[in-house]
């Protein structure tokens, strides 16, 4: 998991803030656990986009 995060953060030779890295890690953890779709659906319903 950490290698995936490091690879994404280094891609394009960009620098990430600590907060941005934390957010990326949370998103990747949700994706790996299969809960990312649930979270995005809940956010879409709250925002009224669907």
Protein backbone atom coordinates (compact mmCIF):
# COMPACT_ATOMS: atom_id res chain seq x y z
CA UNK A 1 0.00 0.00 0.00
CA UNK A 2 2.76 2.47 0.89
CA UNK A 3 4.53 1.87 -2.41
CA UNK A 4 1.32 2.74 -4.28
CA UNK A 5 0.98 6.00 -2.34
CA UNK A 6 4.66 6.87 -2.89
CA UNK A 7 4.39 6.12 -6.61
CA UNK A 8 1.32 8.33 -7.02
CA UNK A 9 2.88 11.16 -5.04
CA UNK A 10 6.11 11.07 -7.08
CA UNK A 11 4.40 10.77 -10.48
CA UNK A 12 4.92 13.91 -12.51
CA UNK A 13 7.64 15.15 -10.13
CA UNK A 14 5.14 17.16 -8.13
CA UNK A 15 5.40 17.86 -4.44
CA UNK A 16 2.51 17.17 -2.10
CA UNK A 17 1.59 18.84 1.15
CA UNK A 18 1.27 16.65 4.22
CA UNK A 19 -2.49 17.22 4.19
CA UNK A 20 -2.72 16.30 0.50
CA UNK A 21 -0.75 13.11 1.11
CA UNK A 22 -3.07 12.21 3.98
CA UNK A 23 -6.11 12.72 1.77
CA UNK A 24 -4.57 10.59 -0.98
CA UNK A 25 -3.87 7.80 1.52
CA UNK A 26 -7.47 7.89 2.77
CA UNK A 27 -8.85 7.70 -0.77
CA UNK A 28 -6.59 4.79 -1.69
CA UNK A 29 -7.52 2.97 1.53
CA UNK A 30 -11.23 3.32 0.69
CA UNK A 31 -10.54 2.07 -2.83
CA UNK A 32 -8.65 -0.99 -1.54
CA UNK A 33 -11.36 -1.80 0.99
CA UNK A 34 -14.09 -1.56 -1.66
CA UNK A 35 -15.82 1.35 0.06
CA UNK A 36 -14.83 4.16 -2.30
CA UNK A 37 -17.99 3.73 -4.40
CA UNK A 38 -20.17 3.96 -1.27
CA UNK A 39 -18.47 7.17 -0.20
CA UNK A 40 -18.77 8.82 -3.62
CA UNK A 41 -22.43 7.82 -3.91
CA UNK A 42 -23.16 9.31 -0.48
CA UNK A 43 -21.37 12.53 -1.42
CA UNK A 44 -23.27 12.76 -4.71
CA UNK A 45 -26.59 12.33 -2.92
CA UNK A 46 -25.69 15.02 -0.36
CA UNK A 47 -24.63 17.47 -3.03
CA UNK A 48 -27.66 16.80 -5.22
CA UNK A 49 -25.63 15.95 -8.32
CA UNK A 50 -27.57 12.78 -9.10
